[in-house]
PDB file of N, CA and C in Angstrom:
ATOM      1  N   MET A   1      16.793  -4.867   2.243  1.00  0.00           N
ATOM      2  CA  MET A   1      15.416  -4.391   2.331  1.00  0.00           C
ATOM      3  C   MET A   1      14.723  -4.656   0.988  1.00  0.00           C
ATOM      4  N   ASN A   2      13.520  -5.140   1.070  1.00  0.00           N
ATOM      5  CA  ASN A   2      12.682  -5.437  -0.087  1.00  0.00           C
ATOM      6  C   ASN A   2      11.729  -4.255  -0.288  1.00  0.00           C
ATOM      7  N   ALA A   3      11.506  -3.836  -1.528  1.00  0.00           N
ATOM      8  CA  ALA A   3      10.587  -2.721  -1.800  1.00  0.00           C
ATOM      9  C   ALA A   3       9.783  -3.002  -3.058  1.00  0.00           C
ATOM     10  N   LYS A   4       8.500  -2.620  -3.015  1.00  0.00           N
ATOM     11  CA  LYS A   4       7.590  -2.790  -4.154  1.00  0.00           C
ATOM     12  C   LYS A   4       6.734  -1.553  -4.312  1.00  0.00           C
ATOM     13  N   ARG A   5       6.383  -1.273  -5.553  1.00  0.00           N
ATOM     14  CA  ARG A   5       5.392  -0.239  -5.859  1.00  0.00           C
ATOM     15  C   ARG A   5       4.121  -0.979  -6.275  1.00  0.00           C
ATOM     16  N   LEU A   6       3.019  -0.670  -5.603  1.00  0.00           N
ATOM     17  CA  LEU A   6       1.739  -1.313  -5.872  1.00  0.00           C
ATOM     18  C   LEU A   6       0.790  -0.318  -6.530  1.00  0.00           C
ATOM     19  N   THR A   7       0.012  -0.800  -7.485  1.00  0.00           N
ATOM     20  CA  THR A   7      -1.092  -0.038  -8.054  1.00  0.00           C
ATOM     21  C   THR A   7      -2.347  -0.869  -7.820  1.00  0.00           C
ATOM     22  N   ILE A   8      -3.235  -0.356  -6.994  1.00  0.00           N
ATOM     23  CA  ILE A   8      -4.399  -1.099  -6.530  1.00  0.00           C
ATOM     24  C   ILE A   8      -5.650  -0.522  -7.188  1.00  0.00           C
ATOM     25  N   ALA A   9      -6.348  -1.348  -7.938  1.00  0.00           N
ATOM     26  CA  ALA A   9      -7.534  -0.902  -8.673  1.00  0.00           C
ATOM     27  C   ALA A   9      -8.794  -1.525  -8.087  1.00  0.00           C
ATOM     28  N   GLY A  10      -9.915  -0.881  -8.353  1.00  0.00           N
ATOM     29  CA  GLY A  10     -11.210  -1.344  -7.872  1.00  0.00           C
ATOM     30  C   GLY A  10     -11.900  -0.221  -7.132  1.00  0.00           C
ATOM     31  N   ARG A  11     -12.768  -0.556  -6.206  1.00  0.00           N
ATOM     32  CA  ARG A  11     -13.411   0.464  -5.368  1.00  0.00           C
ATOM     33  C   ARG A  11     -12.498   0.729  -4.185  1.00  0.00           C
ATOM     34  N   VAL A  12     -11.557   1.659  -4.386  1.00  0.00           N
ATOM     35  CA  VAL A  12     -10.546   1.931  -3.367  1.00  0.00           C
ATOM     36  C   VAL A  12     -10.487   3.406  -2.969  1.00  0.00           C
ATOM     37  N   HIS A  13     -11.300   4.268  -3.598  1.00  0.00           N
ATOM     38  CA  HIS A  13     -11.418   5.672  -3.183  1.00  0.00           C
ATOM     39  C   HIS A  13     -12.691   5.809  -2.362  1.00  0.00           C
ATOM     40  N   GLY A  14     -12.627   6.607  -1.304  1.00  0.00           N
ATOM     41  CA  GLY A  14     -13.813   6.886  -0.499  1.00  0.00           C
ATOM     42  C   GLY A  14     -14.210   5.767   0.446  1.00  0.00           C
ATOM     43  N   VAL A  15     -13.312   4.799   0.665  1.00  0.00           N
ATOM     44  CA  VAL A  15     -13.629   3.673   1.549  1.00  0.00           C
ATOM     45  C   VAL A  15     -12.614   3.543   2.689  1.00  0.00           C
ATOM     46  N   GLY A  16     -11.751   4.554   2.861  1.00  0.00           N
ATOM     47  CA  GLY A  16     -10.759   4.519   3.929  1.00  0.00           C
ATOM     48  C   GLY A  16      -9.548   3.660   3.620  1.00  0.00           C
ATOM     49  N   TYR A  17      -9.304   3.403   2.348  1.00  0.00           N
ATOM     50  CA  TYR A  17      -8.202   2.507   1.969  1.00  0.00           C
ATOM     51  C   TYR A  17      -6.848   3.051   2.409  1.00  0.00           C
ATOM     52  N   ARG A  18      -6.588   4.341   2.178  1.00  0.00           N
ATOM     53  CA  ARG A  18      -5.284   4.899   2.534  1.00  0.00           C
ATOM     54  C   ARG A  18      -5.053   4.888   4.041  1.00  0.00           C
ATOM     55  N   ALA A  19      -6.040   5.296   4.821  1.00  0.00           N
ATOM     56  CA  ALA A  19      -5.896   5.296   6.283  1.00  0.00           C
ATOM     57  C   ALA A  19      -5.704   3.869   6.800  1.00  0.00           C
ATOM     58  N   TRP A  20      -6.445   2.923   6.242  1.00  0.00           N
ATOM     59  CA  TRP A  20      -6.302   1.517   6.612  1.00  0.00           C
ATOM     60  C   TRP A  20      -4.887   1.043   6.308  1.00  0.00           C
ATOM     61  N   MET A  21      -4.369   1.430   5.144  1.00  0.00           N
ATOM     62  CA  MET A  21      -3.038   0.994   4.750  1.00  0.00           C
ATOM     63  C   MET A  21      -1.968   1.572   5.676  1.00  0.00           C
ATOM     64  N   VAL A  22      -2.129   2.821   6.105  1.00  0.00           N
ATOM     65  CA  VAL A  22      -1.182   3.418   7.054  1.00  0.00           C
ATOM     66  C   VAL A  22      -1.177   2.618   8.354  1.00  0.00           C
ATOM     67  N   ARG A  23      -2.352   2.250   8.856  1.00  0.00           N
ATOM     68  CA  ARG A  23      -2.433   1.465  10.100  1.00  0.00           C
ATOM     69  C   ARG A  23      -1.747   0.110   9.942  1.00  0.00           C
ATOM     70  N   LYS A  24      -2.074  -0.607   8.865  1.00  0.00           N
ATOM     71  CA  LYS A  24      -1.509  -1.937   8.655  1.00  0.00           C
ATOM     72  C   LYS A  24       0.002  -1.881   8.458  1.00  0.00           C
ATOM     73  N   ALA A  25       0.481  -0.928   7.670  1.00  0.00           N
ATOM     74  CA  ALA A  25       1.918  -0.802   7.416  1.00  0.00           C
ATOM     75  C   ALA A  25       2.656  -0.486   8.712  1.00  0.00           C
ATOM     76  N   THR A  26       2.079   0.383   9.527  1.00  0.00           N
ATOM     77  CA  THR A  26       2.697   0.732  10.808  1.00  0.00           C
ATOM     78  C   THR A  26       2.761  -0.490  11.718  1.00  0.00           C
ATOM     79  N   GLU A  27       1.687  -1.277  11.763  1.00  0.00           N
ATOM     80  CA  GLU A  27       1.674  -2.510  12.566  1.00  0.00           C
ATOM     81  C   GLU A  27       2.766  -3.477  12.125  1.00  0.00           C
ATOM     82  N   LEU A  28       3.002  -3.552  10.815  1.00  0.00           N
ATOM     83  CA  LEU A  28       3.984  -4.492  10.270  1.00  0.00           C
ATOM     84  C   LEU A  28       5.404  -3.931  10.230  1.00  0.00           C
ATOM     85  N   GLY A  29       5.576  -2.655  10.534  1.00  0.00           N
ATOM     86  CA  GLY A  29       6.893  -2.035  10.473  1.00  0.00           C
ATOM     87  C   GLY A  29       7.365  -1.766   9.055  1.00  0.00           C
ATOM     88  N   VAL A  30       6.411  -1.571   8.144  1.00  0.00           N
ATOM     89  CA  VAL A  30       6.713  -1.313   6.736  1.00  0.00           C
ATOM     90  C   VAL A  30       6.860   0.197   6.533  1.00  0.00           C
ATOM     91  N   SER A  31       7.838   0.610   5.741  1.00  0.00           N
ATOM     92  CA  SER A  31       8.038   2.016   5.388  1.00  0.00           C
ATOM     93  C   SER A  31       7.447   2.284   4.011  1.00  0.00           C
ATOM     94  N   GLY A  32       7.217   3.569   3.718  1.00  0.00           N
ATOM     95  CA  GLY A  32       6.747   3.953   2.394  1.00  0.00           C
ATOM     96  C   GLY A  32       5.645   4.980   2.445  1.00  0.00           C
ATOM     97  N   TRP A  33       4.765   4.919   1.453  1.00  0.00           N
ATOM     98  CA  TRP A  33       3.684   5.885   1.335  1.00  0.00           C
ATOM     99  C   TRP A  33       2.531   5.299   0.521  1.00  0.00           C
ATOM    100  N   VAL A  34       1.394   5.977   0.597  1.00  0.00           N
ATOM    101  CA  VAL A  34       0.204   5.600  -0.175  1.00  0.00           C
ATOM    102  C   VAL A  34      -0.489   6.881  -0.626  1.00  0.00           C
ATOM    103  N   ARG A  35      -1.033   6.863  -1.857  1.00  0.00           N
ATOM    104  CA  ARG A  35      -1.754   8.028  -2.367  1.00  0.00           C
ATOM    105  C   ARG A  35      -2.814   7.599  -3.372  1.00  0.00           C
ATOM    106  N   ASN A  36      -3.847   8.441  -3.502  1.00  0.00           N
ATOM    107  CA  ASN A  36      -4.855   8.251  -4.539  1.00  0.00           C
ATOM    108  C   ASN A  36      -4.279   8.699  -5.871  1.00  0.00           C
ATOM    109  N   ARG A  37      -4.695   8.037  -6.934  1.00  0.00           N
ATOM    110  CA  ARG A  37      -4.324   8.448  -8.285  1.00  0.00           C
ATOM    111  C   ARG A  37      -5.562   8.995  -8.985  1.00  0.00           C
ATOM    112  N   PRO A  38      -5.390   9.903  -9.924  1.00  0.00           N
ATOM    113  CA  PRO A  38      -6.542  10.499 -10.615  1.00  0.00           C
ATOM    114  C   PRO A  38      -7.406   9.478 -11.358  1.00  0.00           C
ATOM    115  N   ASP A  39      -6.842   8.338 -11.731  1.00  0.00           N
ATOM    116  CA  ASP A  39      -7.606   7.331 -12.477  1.00  0.00           C
ATOM    117  C   ASP A  39      -8.497   6.464 -11.587  1.00  0.00           C
ATOM    118  N   GLY A  40      -8.542   6.760 -10.280  1.00  0.00           N
ATOM    119  CA  GLY A  40      -9.392   6.000  -9.362  1.00  0.00           C
ATOM    120  C   GLY A  40      -8.696   4.874  -8.649  1.00  0.00           C
ATOM    121  N   SER A  41      -7.428   4.645  -8.954  1.00  0.00           N
ATOM    122  CA  SER A  41      -6.663   3.602  -8.268  1.00  0.00           C
ATOM    123  C   SER A  41      -5.901   4.222  -7.097  1.00  0.00           C
ATOM    124  N   VAL A  42      -5.247   3.364  -6.330  1.00  0.00           N
ATOM    125  CA  VAL A  42      -4.386   3.782  -5.235  1.00  0.00           C
ATOM    126  C   VAL A  42      -2.983   3.283  -5.566  1.00  0.00           C
ATOM    127  N   GLU A  43      -1.997   4.126  -5.331  1.00  0.00           N
ATOM    128  CA  GLU A  43      -0.603   3.762  -5.562  1.00  0.00           C
ATOM    129  C   GLU A  43       0.116   3.759  -4.222  1.00  0.00           C
ATOM    130  N   ALA A  44       0.999   2.787  -4.020  1.00  0.00           N
ATOM    131  CA  ALA A  44       1.735   2.706  -2.755  1.00  0.00           C
ATOM    132  C   ALA A  44       3.143   2.209  -2.998  1.00  0.00           C
ATOM    133  N   LEU A  45       4.047   2.667  -2.158  1.00  0.00           N
ATOM    134  CA  LEU A  45       5.405   2.152  -2.081  1.00  0.00           C
ATOM    135  C   LEU A  45       5.520   1.488  -0.726  1.00  0.00           C
ATOM    136  N   ILE A  46       5.868   0.201  -0.713  1.00  0.00           N
ATOM    137  CA  ILE A  46       6.026  -0.514   0.556  1.00  0.00           C
ATOM    138  C   ILE A  46       7.440  -1.092   0.602  1.00  0.00           C
ATOM    139  N   ALA A  47       8.084  -0.966   1.763  1.00  0.00           N
ATOM    140  CA  ALA A  47       9.457  -1.435   1.904  1.00  0.00           C
ATOM    141  C   ALA A  47       9.691  -1.943   3.319  1.00  0.00           C
ATOM    142  N   GLY A  48      10.494  -2.979   3.421  1.00  0.00           N
ATOM    143  CA  GLY A  48      10.828  -3.560   4.708  1.00  0.00           C
ATOM    144  C   GLY A  48      11.428  -4.936   4.505  1.00  0.00           C
ATOM    145  N   ASP A  49      11.426  -5.733   5.571  1.00  0.00           N
ATOM    146  CA  ASP A  49      11.923  -7.097   5.412  1.00  0.00           C
ATOM    147  C   ASP A  49      10.956  -7.868   4.514  1.00  0.00           C
ATOM    148  N   THR A  50      11.462  -8.895   3.892  1.00  0.00           N
ATOM    149  CA  THR A  50      10.689  -9.634   2.886  1.00  0.00           C
ATOM    150  C   THR A  50       9.353 -10.123   3.421  1.00  0.00           C
ATOM    151  N   ALA A  51       9.333 -10.693   4.620  1.00  0.00           N
ATOM    152  CA  ALA A  51       8.091 -11.233   5.180  1.00  0.00           C
ATOM    153  C   ALA A  51       7.045 -10.139   5.384  1.00  0.00           C
ATOM    154  N   SER A  52       7.462  -8.979   5.881  1.00  0.00           N
ATOM    155  CA  SER A  52       6.517  -7.882   6.127  1.00  0.00           C
ATOM    156  C   SER A  52       5.975  -7.304   4.825  1.00  0.00           C
ATOM    157  N   VAL A  53       6.839  -7.153   3.827  1.00  0.00           N
ATOM    158  CA  VAL A  53       6.396  -6.629   2.532  1.00  0.00           C
ATOM    159  C   VAL A  53       5.418  -7.602   1.879  1.00  0.00           C
ATOM    160  N   GLU A  54       5.710  -8.883   1.938  1.00  0.00           N
ATOM    161  CA  GLU A  54       4.798  -9.874   1.348  1.00  0.00           C
ATOM    162  C   GLU A  54       3.462  -9.911   2.082  1.00  0.00           C
ATOM    163  N   GLU A  55       3.477  -9.783   3.407  1.00  0.00           N
ATOM    164  CA  GLU A  55       2.235  -9.759   4.179  1.00  0.00           C
ATOM    165  C   GLU A  55       1.422  -8.511   3.846  1.00  0.00           C
ATOM    166  N   MET A  56       2.096  -7.364   3.726  1.00  0.00           N
ATOM    167  CA  MET A  56       1.393  -6.125   3.375  1.00  0.00           C
ATOM    168  C   MET A  56       0.770  -6.243   1.989  1.00  0.00           C
ATOM    169  N   SER A  57       1.506  -6.806   1.055  1.00  0.00           N
ATOM    170  CA  SER A  57       0.991  -7.010  -0.302  1.00  0.00           C
ATOM    171  C   SER A  57      -0.234  -7.926  -0.274  1.00  0.00           C
ATOM    172  N   ARG A  58      -0.187  -8.974   0.521  1.00  0.00           N
ATOM    173  CA  ARG A  58      -1.319  -9.898   0.653  1.00  0.00           C
ATOM    174  C   ARG A  58      -2.542  -9.187   1.245  1.00  0.00           C
ATOM    175  N   LEU A  59      -2.316  -8.399   2.289  1.00  0.00           N
ATOM    176  CA  LEU A  59      -3.420  -7.667   2.920  1.00  0.00           C
ATOM    177  C   LEU A  59      -4.061  -6.666   1.963  1.00  0.00           C
ATOM    178  N   CYS A  60      -3.256  -6.058   1.104  1.00  0.00           N
ATOM    179  CA  CYS A  60      -3.771  -5.067   0.153  1.00  0.00           C
ATOM    180  C   CYS A  60      -4.727  -5.695  -0.857  1.00  0.00           C
ATOM    181  N   ARG A  61      -4.605  -6.970  -1.094  1.00  0.00           N
ATOM    182  CA  ARG A  61      -5.514  -7.648  -2.033  1.00  0.00           C
ATOM    183  C   ARG A  61      -6.940  -7.701  -1.488  1.00  0.00           C
ATOM    184  N   ARG A  62      -7.068  -7.618  -0.184  1.00  0.00           N
ATOM    185  CA  ARG A  62      -8.386  -7.617   0.451  1.00  0.00           C
ATOM    186  C   ARG A  62      -8.812  -6.193   0.797  1.00  0.00           C
ATOM    187  N   GLY A  63      -7.903  -5.417   1.399  1.00  0.00           N
ATOM    188  CA  GLY A  63      -8.189  -4.038   1.771  1.00  0.00           C
ATOM    189  C   GLY A  63      -9.133  -3.928   2.953  1.00  0.00           C
ATOM    190  N   PRO A  64      -9.597  -2.714   3.252  1.00  0.00           N
ATOM    191  CA  PRO A  64     -10.542  -2.523   4.358  1.00  0.00           C
ATOM    192  C   PRO A  64     -11.919  -3.064   3.986  1.00  0.00           C
ATOM    193  N   ARG A  65     -12.770  -3.108   4.957  1.00  0.00           N
ATOM    194  CA  ARG A  65     -14.083  -3.741   4.827  1.00  0.00           C
ATOM    195  C   ARG A  65     -14.905  -3.251   3.637  1.00  0.00           C
ATOM    196  N   MET A  66     -14.922  -1.962   3.357  1.00  0.00           N
ATOM    197  CA  MET A  66     -15.775  -1.419   2.293  1.00  0.00           C
ATOM    198  C   MET A  66     -15.122  -1.450   0.905  1.00  0.00           C
ATOM    199  N   ALA A  67     -13.846  -1.798   0.841  1.00  0.00           N
ATOM    200  CA  ALA A  67     -13.144  -1.801  -0.451  1.00  0.00           C
ATOM    201  C   ALA A  67     -13.487  -3.045  -1.258  1.00  0.00           C
ATOM    202  N   GLU A  68     -13.368  -2.907  -2.570  1.00  0.00           N
ATOM    203  CA  GLU A  68     -13.490  -4.034  -3.490  1.00  0.00           C
ATOM    204  C   GLU A  68     -12.308  -3.960  -4.448  1.00  0.00           C
ATOM    205  N   VAL A  69     -11.255  -4.720  -4.155  1.00  0.00           N
ATOM    206  CA  VAL A  69     -10.041  -4.701  -4.959  1.00  0.00           C
ATOM    207  C   VAL A  69     -10.236  -5.620  -6.159  1.00  0.00           C
ATOM    208  N   SER A  70     -10.053  -5.066  -7.359  1.00  0.00           N
ATOM    209  CA  SER A  70     -10.207  -5.876  -8.568  1.00  0.00           C
ATOM    210  C   SER A  70      -8.860  -6.367  -9.093  1.00  0.00           C
ATOM    211  N   SER A  71      -7.791  -5.604  -8.873  1.00  0.00           N
ATOM    212  CA  SER A  71      -6.461  -6.035  -9.308  1.00  0.00           C
ATOM    213  C   SER A  71      -5.385  -5.238  -8.596  1.00  0.00           C
ATOM    214  N   ILE A  72      -4.191  -5.839  -8.547  1.00  0.00           N
ATOM    215  CA  ILE A  72      -3.023  -5.157  -8.001  1.00  0.00           C
ATOM    216  C   ILE A  72      -1.856  -5.404  -8.943  1.00  0.00           C
ATOM    217  N   GLY A  73      -1.233  -4.313  -9.369  1.00  0.00           N
ATOM    218  CA  GLY A  73       0.005  -4.410 -10.125  1.00  0.00           C
ATOM    219  C   GLY A  73       1.167  -4.243  -9.161  1.00  0.00           C
ATOM    220  N   GLU A  74       2.204  -5.040  -9.323  1.00  0.00           N
ATOM    221  CA  GLU A  74       3.379  -4.960  -8.453  1.00  0.00           C
ATOM    222  C   GLU A  74       4.633  -4.813  -9.290  1.00  0.00           C
ATOM    223  N   ASP A  75       5.489  -3.883  -8.895  1.00  0.00           N
ATOM    224  CA  ASP A  75       6.786  -3.687  -9.536  1.00  0.00           C
ATOM    225  C   ASP A  75       7.839  -3.538  -8.448  1.00  0.00           C
ATOM    226  N   LEU A  76       9.041  -4.003  -8.716  1.00  0.00           N
ATOM    227  CA  LEU A  76      10.146  -3.774  -7.795  1.00  0.00           C
ATOM    228  C   LEU A  76      10.454  -2.284  -7.758  1.00  0.00           C
ATOM    229  N   ALA A  77      10.911  -1.785  -6.620  1.00  0.00           N
ATOM    230  CA  ALA A  77      11.162  -0.352  -6.461  1.00  0.00           C
ATOM    231  C   ALA A  77      12.347  -0.135  -5.537  1.00  0.00           C
ATOM    232  N   ASP A  78      12.822   1.092  -5.496  1.00  0.00           N
ATOM    233  CA  ASP A  78      13.842   1.492  -4.536  1.00  0.00           C
ATOM    234  C   ASP A  78      13.150   1.833  -3.233  1.00  0.00           C
ATOM    235  N   ALA A  79      13.799   1.503  -2.133  1.00  0.00           N
ATOM    236  CA  ALA A  79      13.247   1.802  -0.814  1.00  0.00           C
ATOM    237  C   ALA A  79      13.216   3.306  -0.577  1.00  0.00           C
ATOM    238  N   PRO A  80      12.260   3.788   0.208  1.00  0.00           N
ATOM    239  CA  PRO A  80      12.214   5.217   0.519  1.00  0.00           C
ATOM    240  C   PRO A  80      13.407   5.610   1.390  1.00  0.00           C
ATOM    241  N   GLU A  81      13.767   6.869   1.340  1.00  0.00           N
ATOM    242  CA  GLU A  81      14.903   7.346   2.122  1.00  0.00           C
ATOM    243  C   GLU A  81      14.547   7.597   3.580  1.00  0.00           C
ATOM    244  N   THR A  82      13.276   7.840   3.869  1.00  0.00           N
ATOM    245  CA  THR A  82      12.859   8.129   5.239  1.00  0.00           C
ATOM    246  C   THR A  82      12.056   6.956   5.815  1.00  0.00           C
ATOM    247  N   PRO A  83      12.240   6.665   7.097  1.00  0.00           N
ATOM    248  CA  PRO A  83      11.462   5.602   7.728  1.00  0.00           C
ATOM    249  C   PRO A  83      10.026   6.050   7.981  1.00  0.00           C
ATOM    250  N   GLY A  84       9.165   5.100   8.252  1.00  0.00           N
ATOM    251  CA  GLY A  84       7.764   5.387   8.539  1.00  0.00           C
ATOM    252  C   GLY A  84       6.898   5.195   7.299  1.00  0.00           C
ATOM    253  N   PHE A  85       5.594   5.226   7.510  1.00  0.00           N
ATOM    254  CA  PHE A  85       4.657   5.051   6.419  1.00  0.00           C
ATOM    255  C   PHE A  85       3.695   6.219   6.436  1.00  0.00           C
ATOM    256  N   PHE A  86       3.514   6.873   5.274  1.00  0.00           N
ATOM    257  CA  PHE A  86       2.778   8.117   5.192  1.00  0.00           C
ATOM    258  C   PHE A  86       1.696   8.081   4.131  1.00  0.00           C
ATOM    259  N   GLN A  87       0.631   8.839   4.401  1.00  0.00           N
ATOM    260  CA  GLN A  87      -0.415   9.050   3.405  1.00  0.00           C
ATOM    261  C   GLN A  87      -0.114  10.361   2.709  1.00  0.00           C
ATOM    262  N   LEU A  88       0.062  10.305   1.396  1.00  0.00           N
ATOM    263  CA  LEU A  88       0.301  11.505   0.603  1.00  0.00           C
ATOM    264  C   LEU A  88      -1.015  11.990   0.034  1.00  0.00           C
ATOM    265  N   ASP A  89      -1.151  13.288  -0.118  1.00  0.00           N
ATOM    266  CA  ASP A  89      -2.385  13.835  -0.684  1.00  0.00           C
ATOM    267  C   ASP A  89      -2.225  14.144  -2.140  1.00  0.00           C
TER     268      ASP A  89
END
């Protein structure tokens, strides 16, 4: 299983980014979570087969319609212990 931690910067709060990410991750069969960070970015852990993780990472560069992604940081990570993809508050 491939896993990455993403830090997504830009206009990503208040545009439905987390809900969009839950939908896309569920469609792709990706596990993990997504949450807002106090600095205005979004942080996510994505895990699954290599193709699905890479596709999710690619989709995050665009985001939902109202988002404006300026950058994404990616780091290797440990896979989550529980299956499914969740929005954390």
